[in-house]
Amino acid sequence: MNKKINLTAPGFGRPRLLIVGCGDVGMRLLPLVRDRFRVFAVTSQAVRSEELRAAGAVPVIADLDQPATLARLARLARWVVHLAPPPAEGLIDRRTRNLTAILPDGGNLVYVSTTGVYGDCGGMLVDETRTVNPQNPRAKRRVDAERVLRGWARRSGSRLSILRVPGIYAAGRLPLERLQKGTPALRPEDDVYTNHIHADDLARIIAQALFRAQCCRVYHAVDDSDMKMADYFDAVADRAGLARPPRLPREELRHAVSPVLLSFMSESRRLSNLRLRAELGVRLRYPRVEHALDEIFSPA
């Protein structure tokens, strides 16, 4: 028989932290925060309960698409990490709306957004003051979520920080399947700049943001890499012992890849991380993609 958990009871004198959307990055975050917080991890999958308990969190079964399931989260924790993605369709993020409806006043929330909110910047180096210009529904939903959260923070007297995150990679998050299929990439003259962050570094950035981020401040959670997209694929292929992807002109590539993939290959930007270092004091374990790939593929 399962023991009923009293979600409103204080936990061993520690403040309570709610992780919403505790997937891969959330699991990497848990070891960094479980000694300072009593952590509650929201999942819509009951089968993950034991995994979350073993990692040091109290599992809470709830679904952001089902507002009635969120009632037990109300006033549960004043510290929140929002990792849940928006819905797959539409131009607004109803999940974030449902979440803010039950959050307590005077909270402290870190939201993990995307650098896709800037759209195509023509390869320019940009900082967090650049105006957002989302160019696809996926990015527009993220801009909507940021706007909703800012409104919640103002109304509730809460502290919000937004981490805009690029492509997340790690040992289990590399484009190996794409390389094995021989999916083409852009030729150098048509290629776009892309940005990266290792999943472990992202978890550490989130932990730092909980305590050091300024209110309603945006931070680029990116490393120091300055790579074009196909160069990234080449770097992974070389270390994995796979063939480099063929290079095609943009017009030919339109007929060879999916519309979703083409959208990623149509936006070029380089992102400054000076604010991340100066204000959050982050020291990246993997400042460049090459450093992580050398470790991932090093002989045992």
C-alpha atoms as a PDB file:
ATOM      1  CA  MET A   1       0.000   0.000   0.000  1.00  0.00           C
ATOM      2  CA  ASN A   2       1.389   3.414  -1.016  1.00  0.00           C
ATOM      3  CA  LYS A   3       1.961   5.900   1.776  1.00  0.00           C
ATOM      4  CA  LYS A   4       0.097   9.166   1.274  1.00  0.00           C
ATOM      5  CA  ILE A   5       2.416  12.177   1.083  1.00  0.00           C
ATOM      6  CA  ASN A   6       1.497  15.387   2.893  1.00  0.00           C
ATOM      7  CA  LEU A   7       2.580  17.891   0.268  1.00  0.00           C
ATOM      8  CA  THR A   8       2.017  20.898   2.508  1.00  0.00           C
ATOM      9  CA  ALA A   9       4.195  19.720   5.371  1.00  0.00           C
ATOM     10  CA  PRO A  10       7.618  21.374   5.668  1.00  0.00           C
ATOM     11  CA  GLY A  11      10.527  19.103   4.807  1.00  0.00           C
ATOM     12  CA  PHE A  12      13.242  18.822   7.415  1.00  0.00           C
ATOM     13  CA  GLY A  13      13.542  22.589   7.768  1.00  0.00           C
ATOM     14  CA  ARG A  14      14.644  23.007   4.149  1.00  0.00           C
ATOM     15  CA  PRO A  15      12.821  25.246   1.673  1.00  0.00           C
ATOM     16  CA  ARG A  16      10.776  23.402  -0.914  1.00  0.00           C
ATOM     17  CA  LEU A  17      11.663  23.438  -4.624  1.00  0.00           C
ATOM     18  CA  LEU A  18       9.274  22.377  -7.359  1.00  0.00           C
ATOM     19  CA  ILE A  19      10.768  21.125 -10.641  1.00  0.00           C
ATOM     20  CA  VAL A  20       8.158  21.198 -13.398  1.00  0.00           C
ATOM     21  CA  GLY A  21       9.110  18.959 -16.297  1.00  0.00           C
ATOM     22  CA  CYS A  22      11.800  16.823 -14.670  1.00  0.00           C
ATOM     23  CA  GLY A  23      13.321  15.164 -17.735  1.00  0.00           C
ATOM     24  CA  ASP A  24      16.999  14.768 -18.596  1.00  0.00           C
ATOM     25  CA  VAL A  25      18.074  18.247 -17.498  1.00  0.00           C
ATOM     26  CA  GLY A  26      15.911  18.059 -14.375  1.00  0.00           C
ATOM     27  CA  MET A  27      17.545  14.779 -13.389  1.00  0.00           C
ATOM     28  CA  ARG A  28      20.966  16.410 -13.792  1.00  0.00           C
ATOM     29  CA  LEU A  29      19.784  19.326 -11.658  1.00  0.00           C
ATOM     30  CA  LEU A  30      18.578  17.148  -8.764  1.00  0.00           C
ATOM     31  CA  PRO A  31      22.023  16.270  -7.322  1.00  0.00           C
ATOM     32  CA  LEU A  32      22.887  19.988  -7.302  1.00  0.00           C
ATOM     33  CA  VAL A  33      19.861  21.098  -5.263  1.00  0.00           C
ATOM     34  CA  ARG A  34      18.611  18.188  -3.160  1.00  0.00           C
ATOM     35  CA  ASP A  35      20.896  19.031  -0.220  1.00  0.00           C
ATOM     36  CA  ARG A  36      19.572  22.606  -0.037  1.00  0.00           C
ATOM     37  CA  PHE A  37      15.908  21.949  -0.808  1.00  0.00           C
ATOM     38  CA  ARG A  38      13.240  19.390  -0.297  1.00  0.00           C
ATOM     39  CA  VAL A  39      12.594  18.782  -3.975  1.00  0.00           C
ATOM     40  CA  PHE A  40       9.238  17.938  -5.529  1.00  0.00           C
ATOM     41  CA  ALA A  41       9.351  16.784  -9.160  1.00  0.00           C
ATOM     42  CA  VAL A  42       6.274  17.025 -11.345  1.00  0.00           C
ATOM     43  CA  THR A  43       5.705  14.255 -13.842  1.00  0.00           C
ATOM     44  CA  SER A  44       2.685  13.182 -15.844  1.00  0.00           C
ATOM     45  CA  GLN A  45       3.981   9.600 -15.933  1.00  0.00           C
ATOM     46  CA  ALA A  46       3.325   7.569 -12.789  1.00  0.00           C
ATOM     47  CA  VAL A  47       5.872   4.965 -13.924  1.00  0.00           C
ATOM     48  CA  ARG A  48       8.652   7.513 -13.267  1.00  0.00           C
ATOM     49  CA  SER A  49       7.858   7.799  -9.568  1.00  0.00           C
ATOM     50  CA  GLU A  50      10.472   5.323  -8.360  1.00  0.00           C
ATOM     51  CA  GLU A  51      13.157   6.859 -10.593  1.00  0.00           C
ATOM     52  CA  LEU A  52      12.461  10.289  -9.126  1.00  0.00           C
ATOM     53  CA  ARG A  53      12.441   8.989  -5.546  1.00  0.00           C
ATOM     54  CA  ALA A  54      15.766   7.256  -6.114  1.00  0.00           C
ATOM     55  CA  ALA A  55      17.200  10.565  -7.350  1.00  0.00           C
ATOM     56  CA  GLY A  56      16.140  12.323  -4.167  1.00  0.00           C
ATOM     57  CA  ALA A  57      12.854  13.970  -5.199  1.00  0.00           C
ATOM     58  CA  VAL A  58       9.269  13.579  -4.070  1.00  0.00           C
ATOM     59  CA  PRO A  59       7.296  12.684  -7.222  1.00  0.00           C
ATOM     60  CA  VAL A  60       4.063  14.568  -7.858  1.00  0.00           C
ATOM     61  CA  ILE A  61       1.763  13.240 -10.578  1.00  0.00           C
ATOM     62  CA  ALA A  62       0.231  16.164 -12.454  1.00  0.00           C
ATOM     63  CA  ASP A  63      -0.368  17.214 -16.046  1.00  0.00           C
ATOM     64  CA  LEU A  64      -0.013  20.815 -17.206  1.00  0.00           C
ATOM     65  CA  ASP A  65      -2.578  20.092 -19.912  1.00  0.00           C
ATOM     66  CA  GLN A  66      -5.122  19.105 -17.241  1.00  0.00           C
ATOM     67  CA  PRO A  67      -5.637  22.077 -14.872  1.00  0.00           C
ATOM     68  CA  ALA A  68      -7.657  19.981 -12.410  1.00  0.00           C
ATOM     69  CA  THR A  69      -4.558  17.865 -11.664  1.00  0.00           C
ATOM     70  CA  LEU A  70      -2.561  20.943 -10.613  1.00  0.00           C
ATOM     71  CA  ALA A  71      -4.587  21.817  -7.526  1.00  0.00           C
ATOM     72  CA  ARG A  72      -2.265  19.812  -5.271  1.00  0.00           C
ATOM     73  CA  LEU A  73       0.652  21.981  -6.428  1.00  0.00           C
ATOM     74  CA  ALA A  74      -0.928  25.211  -5.179  1.00  0.00           C
ATOM     75  CA  ARG A  75       1.297  26.873  -2.562  1.00  0.00           C
ATOM     76  CA  LEU A  76       3.444  23.741  -2.452  1.00  0.00           C
ATOM     77  CA  ALA A  77       6.737  25.577  -3.010  1.00  0.00           C
ATOM     78  CA  ARG A  78       7.927  29.145  -3.441  1.00  0.00           C
ATOM     79  CA  TRP A  79      10.980  28.024  -5.411  1.00  0.00           C
ATOM     80  CA  VAL A  80      10.181  26.719  -8.898  1.00  0.00           C
ATOM     81  CA  VAL A  81      12.170  25.565 -11.935  1.00  0.00           C
ATOM     82  CA  HIS A  82       9.972  25.509 -15.046  1.00  0.00           C
ATOM     83  CA  LEU A  83      11.453  23.074 -17.581  1.00  0.00           C
ATOM     84  CA  ALA A  84       8.238  21.939 -19.259  1.00  0.00           C
ATOM     85  CA  PRO A  85       8.013  22.664 -22.999  1.00  0.00           C
ATOM     86  CA  PRO A  86       5.003  24.414 -24.522  1.00  0.00           C
ATOM     87  CA  PRO A  87       2.336  22.406 -26.358  1.00  0.00           C
ATOM     88  CA  ALA A  88       3.256  21.089 -29.791  1.00  0.00           C
ATOM     89  CA  GLU A  89       0.720  23.275 -31.598  1.00  0.00           C
ATOM     90  CA  GLY A  90      -0.699  26.778 -31.521  1.00  0.00           C
ATOM     91  CA  LEU A  91       0.842  30.169 -30.836  1.00  0.00           C
ATOM     92  CA  ILE A  92       0.295  30.356 -27.057  1.00  0.00           C
ATOM     93  CA  ASP A  93       1.561  28.284 -24.154  1.00  0.00           C
ATOM     94  CA  ARG A  94      -1.492  27.146 -22.200  1.00  0.00           C
ATOM     95  CA  ARG A  95       0.684  24.957 -20.000  1.00  0.00           C
ATOM     96  CA  THR A  96       2.473  27.991 -18.575  1.00  0.00           C
ATOM     97  CA  ARG A  97      -0.856  29.754 -18.107  1.00  0.00           C
ATOM     98  CA  ASN A  98      -2.157  26.766 -16.153  1.00  0.00           C
ATOM     99  CA  LEU A  99       0.976  26.718 -14.015  1.00  0.00           C
ATOM    100  CA  THR A 100       0.947  30.413 -13.116  1.00  0.00           C
ATOM    101  CA  ALA A 101      -2.693  30.081 -12.039  1.00  0.00           C
ATOM    102  CA  ILE A 102      -1.659  27.961  -9.037  1.00  0.00           C
ATOM    103  CA  LEU A 103       1.729  29.453  -8.108  1.00  0.00           C
ATOM    104  CA  PRO A 104       2.008  31.306  -4.770  1.00  0.00           C
ATOM    105  CA  ASP A 105       2.736  35.009  -4.426  1.00  0.00           C
ATOM    106  CA  GLY A 106       6.284  36.035  -3.612  1.00  0.00           C
ATOM    107  CA  GLY A 107       7.831  33.093  -5.413  1.00  0.00           C
ATOM    108  CA  ASN A 108      11.174  32.576  -7.111  1.00  0.00           C
ATOM    109  CA  LEU A 109      10.956  30.986 -10.555  1.00  0.00           C
ATOM    110  CA  VAL A 110      13.583  30.068 -13.144  1.00  0.00           C
ATOM    111  CA  TYR A 111      12.167  29.499 -16.628  1.00  0.00           C
ATOM    112  CA  VAL A 112      14.142  27.616 -19.262  1.00  0.00           C
ATOM    113  CA  SER A 113      13.237  29.185 -22.608  1.00  0.00           C
ATOM    114  CA  THR A 114      14.961  29.032 -26.009  1.00  0.00           C
ATOM    115  CA  THR A 115      17.307  31.212 -28.034  1.00  0.00           C
ATOM    116  CA  GLY A 116      14.961  30.592 -30.963  1.00  0.00           C
ATOM    117  CA  VAL A 117      12.947  33.610 -29.768  1.00  0.00           C
ATOM    118  CA  TYR A 118      15.408  35.852 -31.648  1.00  0.00           C
ATOM    119  CA  GLY A 119      14.739  34.323 -35.057  1.00  0.00           C
ATOM    120  CA  ASP A 120      17.349  34.854 -37.767  1.00  0.00           C
ATOM    121  CA  CYS A 121      20.034  37.374 -36.792  1.00  0.00           C
ATOM    122  CA  GLY A 122      22.142  36.982 -39.919  1.00  0.00           C
ATOM    123  CA  GLY A 123      25.036  35.524 -37.951  1.00  0.00           C
ATOM    124  CA  MET A 124      25.388  38.622 -35.769  1.00  0.00           C
ATOM    125  CA  LEU A 125      26.664  38.442 -32.199  1.00  0.00           C
ATOM    126  CA  VAL A 126      23.748  39.450 -29.969  1.00  0.00           C
ATOM    127  CA  ASP A 127      23.177  39.953 -26.260  1.00  0.00           C
ATOM    128  CA  GLU A 128      20.078  39.728 -24.083  1.00  0.00           C
ATOM    129  CA  THR A 129      18.909  43.252 -24.995  1.00  0.00           C
ATOM    130  CA  ARG A 130      18.065  42.245 -28.563  1.00  0.00           C
ATOM    131  CA  THR A 131      14.365  42.431 -29.407  1.00  0.00           C
ATOM    132  CA  VAL A 132      12.747  39.036 -29.884  1.00  0.00           C
ATOM    133  CA  ASN A 133      11.630  38.170 -33.402  1.00  0.00           C
ATOM    134  CA  PRO A 134      10.217  34.612 -33.408  1.00  0.00           C
ATOM    135  CA  GLN A 135       9.806  33.225 -36.896  1.00  0.00           C
ATOM    136  CA  ASN A 136       8.076  29.903 -36.319  1.00  0.00           C
ATOM    137  CA  PRO A 137       5.204  28.709 -34.085  1.00  0.00           C
ATOM    138  CA  ARG A 138       7.581  26.878 -31.746  1.00  0.00           C
ATOM    139  CA  ALA A 139       9.475  30.082 -30.925  1.00  0.00           C
ATOM    140  CA  LYS A 140       6.265  32.140 -30.743  1.00  0.00           C
ATOM    141  CA  ARG A 141       4.941  29.825 -28.029  1.00  0.00           C
ATOM    142  CA  ARG A 142       8.130  30.448 -26.034  1.00  0.00           C
ATOM    143  CA  VAL A 143       7.776  34.219 -26.371  1.00  0.00           C
ATOM    144  CA  ASP A 144       4.209  33.874 -25.161  1.00  0.00           C
ATOM    145  CA  ALA A 145       5.361  31.878 -22.128  1.00  0.00           C
ATOM    146  CA  GLU A 146       7.964  34.509 -21.255  1.00  0.00           C
ATOM    147  CA  ARG A 147       5.327  37.253 -21.486  1.00  0.00           C
ATOM    148  CA  VAL A 148       2.880  35.314 -19.298  1.00  0.00           C
ATOM    149  CA  LEU A 149       5.539  34.677 -16.670  1.00  0.00           C
ATOM    150  CA  ARG A 150       6.593  38.322 -16.579  1.00  0.00           C
ATOM    151  CA  GLY A 151       2.970  39.290 -15.989  1.00  0.00           C
ATOM    152  CA  TRP A 152       2.686  36.740 -13.180  1.00  0.00           C
ATOM    153  CA  ALA A 153       5.898  38.009 -11.552  1.00  0.00           C
ATOM    154  CA  ARG A 154       4.656  41.609 -11.571  1.00  0.00           C
ATOM    155  CA  ARG A 155       1.227  40.732 -10.189  1.00  0.00           C
ATOM    156  CA  SER A 156       2.458  38.379  -7.492  1.00  0.00           C
ATOM    157  CA  GLY A 157       5.574  40.227  -6.361  1.00  0.00           C
ATOM    158  CA  SER A 158       7.682  37.257  -7.427  1.00  0.00           C
ATOM    159  CA  ARG A 159      11.232  36.918  -8.705  1.00  0.00           C
ATOM    160  CA  LEU A 160      11.590  35.571 -12.254  1.00  0.00           C
ATOM    161  CA  SER A 161      14.693  34.743 -14.261  1.00  0.00           C
ATOM    162  CA  ILE A 162      14.646  33.528 -17.858  1.00  0.00           C
ATOM    163  CA  LEU A 163      17.370  31.331 -19.305  1.00  0.00           C
ATOM    164  CA  ARG A 164      17.396  31.324 -23.096  1.00  0.00           C
ATOM    165  CA  VAL A 165      18.924  28.040 -24.130  1.00  0.00           C
ATOM    166  CA  PRO A 166      20.293  26.856 -27.515  1.00  0.00           C
ATOM    167  CA  GLY A 167      20.918  23.290 -28.661  1.00  0.00           C
ATOM    168  CA  ILE A 168      21.473  21.053 -25.636  1.00  0.00           C
ATOM    169  CA  TYR A 169      23.933  18.206 -26.103  1.00  0.00           C
ATOM    170  CA  ALA A 170      25.518  15.451 -24.011  1.00  0.00           C
ATOM    171  CA  ALA A 171      26.690  11.879 -24.507  1.00  0.00           C
ATOM    172  CA  GLY A 172      23.123  10.699 -25.102  1.00  0.00           C
ATOM    173  CA  ARG A 173      22.070  13.807 -26.996  1.00  0.00           C
ATOM    174  CA  LEU A 174      24.240  13.842 -30.105  1.00  0.00           C
ATOM    175  CA  PRO A 175      23.086  13.791 -33.766  1.00  0.00           C
ATOM    176  CA  LEU A 176      24.395  10.262 -34.345  1.00  0.00           C
ATOM    177  CA  GLU A 177      21.206   8.969 -35.979  1.00  0.00           C
ATOM    178  CA  ARG A 178      21.173  11.892 -38.369  1.00  0.00           C
ATOM    179  CA  LEU A 179      24.792  11.218 -39.301  1.00  0.00           C
ATOM    180  CA  GLN A 180      24.133   7.507 -39.773  1.00  0.00           C
ATOM    181  CA  LYS A 181      21.279   8.327 -42.152  1.00  0.00           C
ATOM    182  CA  GLY A 182      23.494  10.667 -44.150  1.00  0.00           C
ATOM    183  CA  THR A 183      21.156  13.641 -43.766  1.00  0.00           C
ATOM    184  CA  PRO A 184      22.756  16.505 -45.704  1.00  0.00           C
ATOM    185  CA  ALA A 185      23.954  19.800 -44.274  1.00  0.00           C
ATOM    186  CA  LEU A 186      24.468  23.213 -45.826  1.00  0.00           C
ATOM    187  CA  ARG A 187      27.562  24.101 -47.810  1.00  0.00           C
ATOM    188  CA  PRO A 188      29.875  26.578 -46.016  1.00  0.00           C
ATOM    189  CA  GLU A 189      28.709  29.676 -47.890  1.00  0.00           C
ATOM    190  CA  ASP A 190      25.057  28.963 -46.997  1.00  0.00           C
ATOM    191  CA  ASP A 191      25.591  27.583 -43.499  1.00  0.00           C
ATOM    192  CA  VAL A 192      24.285  29.186 -40.295  1.00  0.00           C
ATOM    193  CA  TYR A 193      25.887  29.862 -36.946  1.00  0.00           C
ATOM    194  CA  THR A 194      24.486  27.757 -34.144  1.00  0.00           C
ATOM    195  CA  ASN A 195      24.919  27.778 -30.378  1.00  0.00           C
ATOM    196  CA  HIS A 196      25.355  25.033 -27.803  1.00  0.00           C
ATOM    197  CA  ILE A 197      25.334  24.138 -24.129  1.00  0.00           C
ATOM    198  CA  HIS A 198      26.186  20.839 -22.454  1.00  0.00           C
ATOM    199  CA  ALA A 199      23.294  19.424 -20.400  1.00  0.00           C
ATOM    200  CA  ASP A 200      25.468  19.270 -17.266  1.00  0.00           C
ATOM    201  CA  ASP A 201      26.459  22.922 -17.629  1.00  0.00           C
ATOM    202  CA  LEU A 202      22.813  23.885 -18.146  1.00  0.00           C
ATOM    203  CA  ALA A 203      21.877  22.160 -14.884  1.00  0.00           C
ATOM    204  CA  ARG A 204      24.601  24.109 -13.081  1.00  0.00           C
ATOM    205  CA  ILE A 205      23.407  27.379 -14.643  1.00  0.00           C
ATOM    206  CA  ILE A 206      19.870  26.724 -13.416  1.00  0.00           C
ATOM    207  CA  ALA A 207      21.164  26.074  -9.895  1.00  0.00           C
ATOM    208  CA  GLN A 208      23.152  29.328  -9.955  1.00  0.00           C
ATOM    209  CA  ALA A 209      20.163  31.269 -11.300  1.00  0.00           C
ATOM    210  CA  LEU A 210      18.000  30.206  -8.353  1.00  0.00           C
ATOM    211  CA  PHE A 211      20.163  32.271  -6.010  1.00  0.00           C
ATOM    212  CA  ARG A 212      22.069  34.791  -8.103  1.00  0.00           C
ATOM    213  CA  ALA A 213      19.805  35.864 -10.966  1.00  0.00           C
ATOM    214  CA  GLN A 214      18.438  39.389 -10.907  1.00  0.00           C
ATOM    215  CA  CYS A 215      14.673  39.842 -10.956  1.00  0.00           C
ATOM    216  CA  CYS A 216      13.023  39.582 -14.388  1.00  0.00           C
ATOM    217  CA  ARG A 217      16.454  39.219 -15.994  1.00  0.00           C
ATOM    218  CA  VAL A 218      17.252  37.243 -19.161  1.00  0.00           C
ATOM    219  CA  TYR A 219      20.444  35.198 -19.454  1.00  0.00           C
ATOM    220  CA  HIS A 220      21.921  33.360 -22.414  1.00  0.00           C
ATOM    221  CA  ALA A 221      22.748  29.846 -21.205  1.00  0.00           C
ATOM    222  CA  VAL A 222      25.325  29.245 -23.939  1.00  0.00           C
ATOM    223  CA  ASP A 223      28.947  28.158 -24.088  1.00  0.00           C
ATOM    224  CA  ASP A 224      31.885  29.870 -25.825  1.00  0.00           C
ATOM    225  CA  SER A 225      31.685  27.870 -29.057  1.00  0.00           C
ATOM    226  CA  ASP A 226      31.587  29.798 -32.335  1.00  0.00           C
ATOM    227  CA  MET A 227      30.538  27.108 -34.807  1.00  0.00           C
ATOM    228  CA  LYS A 228      28.504  26.782 -37.918  1.00  0.00           C
ATOM    229  CA  MET A 229      25.963  23.979 -37.894  1.00  0.00           C
ATOM    230  CA  ALA A 230      27.657  21.673 -40.385  1.00  0.00           C
ATOM    231  CA  ASP A 231      30.988  22.119 -38.591  1.00  0.00           C
ATOM    232  CA  TYR A 232      29.292  20.787 -35.457  1.00  0.00           C
ATOM    233  CA  PHE A 233      28.044  17.751 -37.369  1.00  0.00           C
ATOM    234  CA  ASP A 234      31.543  17.222 -38.783  1.00  0.00           C
ATOM    235  CA  ALA A 235      33.096  17.390 -35.319  1.00  0.00           C
ATOM    236  CA  VAL A 236      30.703  14.747 -33.980  1.00  0.00           C
ATOM    237  CA  ALA A 237      31.144  12.545 -37.058  1.00  0.00           C
ATOM    238  CA  ASP A 238      34.935  12.650 -36.869  1.00  0.00           C
ATOM    239  CA  ARG A 239      35.019  11.560 -33.243  1.00  0.00           C
ATOM    240  CA  ALA A 240      32.309   8.932 -33.671  1.00  0.00           C
ATOM    241  CA  GLY A 241      34.017   7.394 -36.686  1.00  0.00           C
ATOM    242  CA  LEU A 242      31.130   8.245 -39.009  1.00  0.00           C
ATOM    243  CA  ALA A 243      31.058   9.832 -42.432  1.00  0.00           C
ATOM    244  CA  ARG A 244      30.676  13.579 -42.526  1.00  0.00           C
ATOM    245  CA  PRO A 245      27.296  14.688 -43.898  1.00  0.00           C
ATOM    246  CA  PRO A 246      27.149  15.736 -47.551  1.00  0.00           C
ATOM    247  CA  ARG A 247      26.963  19.499 -48.137  1.00  0.00           C
ATOM    248  CA  LEU A 248      24.273  20.979 -50.364  1.00  0.00           C
ATOM    249  CA  PRO A 249      23.258  24.479 -51.493  1.00  0.00           C
ATOM    250  CA  ARG A 250      20.251  25.829 -49.618  1.00  0.00           C
ATOM    251  CA  GLU A 251      17.867  25.463 -52.553  1.00  0.00           C
ATOM    252  CA  GLU A 252      18.706  21.772 -52.938  1.00  0.00           C
ATOM    253  CA  LEU A 253      18.549  21.186 -49.195  1.00  0.00           C
ATOM    254  CA  ARG A 254      14.930  22.411 -49.093  1.00  0.00           C
ATOM    255  CA  HIS A 255      13.904  19.226 -50.900  1.00  0.00           C
ATOM    256  CA  ALA A 256      16.082  16.903 -48.782  1.00  0.00           C
ATOM    257  CA  VAL A 257      15.136  17.683 -45.168  1.00  0.00           C
ATOM    258  CA  SER A 258      11.935  18.097 -43.147  1.00  0.00           C
ATOM    259  CA  PRO A 259      10.336  21.535 -42.710  1.00  0.00           C
ATOM    260  CA  VAL A 260      11.190  21.470 -38.988  1.00  0.00           C
ATOM    261  CA  LEU A 261      14.846  20.749 -39.666  1.00  0.00           C
ATOM    262  CA  LEU A 262      14.915  23.368 -42.409  1.00  0.00           C
ATOM    263  CA  SER A 263      13.617  25.966 -39.946  1.00  0.00           C
ATOM    264  CA  PHE A 264      16.614  25.316 -37.675  1.00  0.00           C
ATOM    265  CA  MET A 265      18.906  25.659 -40.685  1.00  0.00           C
ATOM    266  CA  SER A 266      17.376  29.011 -41.631  1.00  0.00           C
ATOM    267  CA  GLU A 267      18.351  30.966 -38.505  1.00  0.00           C
ATOM    268  CA  SER A 268      21.895  32.156 -37.868  1.00  0.00           C
ATOM    269  CA  ARG A 269      23.007  33.856 -34.680  1.00  0.00           C
ATOM    270  CA  ARG A 270      25.874  33.977 -32.217  1.00  0.00           C
ATOM    271  CA  LEU A 271      25.015  34.662 -28.600  1.00  0.00           C
ATOM    272  CA  SER A 272      27.023  36.510 -25.976  1.00  0.00           C
ATOM    273  CA  ASN A 273      27.321  34.854 -22.545  1.00  0.00           C
ATOM    274  CA  LEU A 274      29.004  37.773 -20.754  1.00  0.00           C
ATOM    275  CA  ARG A 275      25.968  38.346 -18.516  1.00  0.00           C
ATOM    276  CA  LEU A 276      25.961  34.662 -17.562  1.00  0.00           C
ATOM    277  CA  ARG A 277      29.535  34.886 -16.346  1.00  0.00           C
ATOM    278  CA  ALA A 278      29.454  38.348 -14.788  1.00  0.00           C
ATOM    279  CA  GLU A 279      26.138  38.127 -12.924  1.00  0.00           C
ATOM    280  CA  LEU A 280      25.694  34.422 -12.219  1.00  0.00           C
ATOM    281  CA  GLY A 281      29.381  33.685 -11.780  1.00  0.00           C
ATOM    282  CA  VAL A 282      29.128  30.571 -13.934  1.00  0.00           C
ATOM    283  CA  ARG A 283      32.303  28.682 -14.788  1.00  0.00           C
ATOM    284  CA  LEU A 284      31.487  26.244 -17.558  1.00  0.00           C
ATOM    285  CA  ARG A 285      32.811  22.724 -17.306  1.00  0.00           C
ATOM    286  CA  TYR A 286      32.640  22.484 -21.102  1.00  0.00           C
ATOM    287  CA  PRO A 287      33.317  25.975 -22.471  1.00  0.00           C
ATOM    288  CA  ARG A 288      33.556  24.633 -26.036  1.00  0.00           C
ATOM    289  CA  VAL A 289      31.838  21.742 -27.780  1.00  0.00           C
ATOM    290  CA  GLU A 290      35.183  20.238 -28.747  1.00  0.00           C
ATOM    291  CA  HIS A 291      36.143  19.840 -25.080  1.00  0.00           C
ATOM    292  CA  ALA A 292      33.060  17.767 -24.329  1.00  0.00           C
ATOM    293  CA  LEU A 293      33.312  15.667 -27.498  1.00  0.00           C
ATOM    294  CA  ASP A 294      36.944  14.789 -26.697  1.00  0.00           C
ATOM    295  CA  GLU A 295      35.816  13.544 -23.287  1.00  0.00           C
ATOM    296  CA  ILE A 296      32.729  11.695 -24.596  1.00  0.00           C
ATOM    297  CA  PHE A 297      34.692   9.818 -27.230  1.00  0.00           C
ATOM    298  CA  SER A 298      37.941   9.335 -25.300  1.00  0.00           C
ATOM    299  CA  PRO A 299      39.083   5.696 -25.008  1.00  0.00           C
ATOM    300  CA  ALA A 300      37.956   4.048 -21.769  1.00  0.00           C
END
